[in-house]
């Protein structure tokens, strides 16, 4: 299973072909395709996911096509959506990324 490191950001964007994904990330989404972050694309049928990322000296493209079923791609009015590592794992496993039973992340700061 594909698993990114802990400090990687993951961005979801809707269906685009392989050609020009890095240009799409840069010009249309206004993000840096060389950042090493993951840019996740889905086709219209939602049975195929492509993950584009920069790895030291070139772009990598991870691709998964489901033979049966569809990915639980989030319905969103946002053109692009940032998600976490565990939500990406859920998406790739066919689970809705908005788990009502999942524990919400907590962020504490130390007060002295």
Protein backbone atom coordinates (compact mmCIF):
# COMPACT_ATOMS: atom_id res chain seq x y z
CA UNK A 1 0.00 0.00 0.00
CA UNK A 2 1.19 3.50 -0.84
CA UNK A 3 1.83 5.51 2.34
CA UNK A 4 3.32 9.03 2.41
CA UNK A 5 5.50 10.33 5.22
CA UNK A 6 3.92 12.16 8.15
CA UNK A 7 4.75 15.74 7.12
CA UNK A 8 3.37 15.53 3.56
CA UNK A 9 0.31 17.57 2.61
CA UNK A 10 -2.32 15.94 0.40
CA UNK A 11 -4.47 17.92 -2.06
CA UNK A 12 -7.57 16.53 -3.77
CA UNK A 13 -8.59 17.85 -7.19
CA UNK A 14 -11.12 16.62 -9.72
CA UNK A 15 -10.61 14.60 -12.89
CA UNK A 16 -7.80 15.51 -15.24
CA UNK A 17 -5.71 13.46 -17.66
CA UNK A 18 -2.04 12.66 -17.08
CA UNK A 19 -0.88 15.25 -19.62
CA UNK A 20 -0.08 18.52 -17.98
CA UNK A 21 -0.88 17.59 -14.35
CA UNK A 22 2.18 19.47 -13.12
CA UNK A 23 1.15 22.53 -15.16
CA UNK A 24 -2.38 22.20 -13.79
CA UNK A 25 -1.03 22.15 -10.21
CA UNK A 26 1.13 25.19 -10.86
CA UNK A 27 -1.09 27.41 -12.99
CA UNK A 28 -4.67 26.45 -12.19
CA UNK A 29 -4.41 25.34 -8.55
CA UNK A 30 -1.62 27.87 -7.86
CA UNK A 31 0.41 25.37 -5.85
CA UNK A 32 4.04 24.29 -6.18
CA UNK A 33 4.26 20.90 -7.97
CA UNK A 34 7.93 20.60 -6.85
CA UNK A 35 7.00 20.77 -3.14
CA UNK A 36 6.94 17.00 -2.67
CA UNK A 37 3.30 17.20 -1.54
CA UNK A 38 0.74 14.83 -3.03
CA UNK A 39 -1.77 16.01 -5.63
CA UNK A 40 -4.62 13.51 -5.98
CA UNK A 41 -6.83 13.48 -9.06
CA UNK A 42 -9.96 11.48 -9.80
CA UNK A 43 -11.68 10.73 -13.10
CA UNK A 44 -15.35 11.45 -13.80
CA UNK A 45 -16.45 7.86 -13.10
CA UNK A 46 -14.56 7.97 -9.78
CA UNK A 47 -13.04 4.56 -10.44
CA UNK A 48 -9.50 5.85 -11.02
CA UNK A 49 -7.14 7.89 -8.83
CA UNK A 50 -3.81 9.41 -9.85
CA UNK A 51 -1.34 10.84 -7.34
CA UNK A 52 1.32 13.22 -8.68
CA UNK A 53 4.37 14.18 -6.63
CA UNK A 54 7.95 15.36 -7.11
CA UNK A 55 10.66 12.99 -5.90
CA UNK A 56 14.16 14.55 -5.88
CA UNK A 57 14.79 14.60 -9.63
CA UNK A 58 11.51 13.89 -11.38
CA UNK A 59 7.75 13.61 -11.18
CA UNK A 60 6.18 10.36 -10.02
CA UNK A 61 2.67 9.27 -10.83
CA UNK A 62 0.92 6.66 -8.71
CA UNK A 63 -2.21 5.27 -10.35
CA UNK A 64 -4.99 3.01 -9.07
CA UNK A 65 -7.96 1.87 -11.15
CA UNK A 66 -10.81 -0.03 -9.53
CA UNK A 67 -12.24 -2.87 -11.58
CA UNK A 68 -15.44 -2.81 -9.53
CA UNK A 69 -16.87 -0.05 -7.29
CA UNK A 70 -15.94 3.62 -7.03
CA UNK A 71 -13.83 5.79 -4.78
CA UNK A 72 -15.80 7.74 -2.15
CA UNK A 73 -14.67 11.07 -3.58
CA UNK A 74 -15.88 13.97 -1.42
CA UNK A 75 -18.60 16.19 -2.83
CA UNK A 76 -17.29 19.68 -2.31
CA UNK A 77 -17.96 23.13 -3.66
CA UNK A 78 -14.25 23.85 -3.21
CA UNK A 79 -12.12 23.46 -6.34
CA UNK A 80 -9.36 21.88 -4.28
CA UNK A 81 -9.47 20.28 -0.84
CA UNK A 82 -6.56 19.60 1.52
CA UNK A 83 -6.83 16.39 3.54
CA UNK A 84 -4.61 14.48 5.95
CA UNK A 85 -2.67 11.25 5.64
CA UNK A 86 -5.33 9.11 7.31
CA UNK A 87 -8.08 10.54 5.08
CA UNK A 88 -6.00 9.61 2.03
CA UNK A 89 -5.69 6.06 3.35
CA UNK A 90 -9.48 5.95 3.85
CA UNK A 91 -10.07 7.27 0.33
CA UNK A 92 -7.78 4.64 -1.21
CA UNK A 93 -9.49 1.92 0.88
CA UNK A 94 -12.92 2.97 -0.39
CA UNK A 95 -14.06 4.65 2.81
CA UNK A 96 -15.66 8.10 3.05
CA UNK A 97 -13.07 10.63 4.29
CA UNK A 98 -15.66 12.28 6.55
CA UNK A 99 -15.86 9.56 9.20
CA UNK A 100 -18.35 10.58 11.88
CA UNK A 101 -16.94 7.99 14.29
CA UNK A 102 -13.29 8.97 13.83
CA UNK A 103 -11.57 10.86 16.60
CA UNK A 104 -10.97 14.47 15.63
CA UNK A 105 -7.33 15.64 15.73
CA UNK A 106 -6.52 17.78 18.76
CA UNK A 107 -3.93 20.53 18.81
CA UNK A 108 -2.72 21.68 22.21
CA UNK A 109 -0.27 24.35 23.16
CA UNK A 110 1.56 24.37 26.46
CA UNK A 111 0.62 27.22 28.76
CA UNK A 112 3.07 28.09 31.52
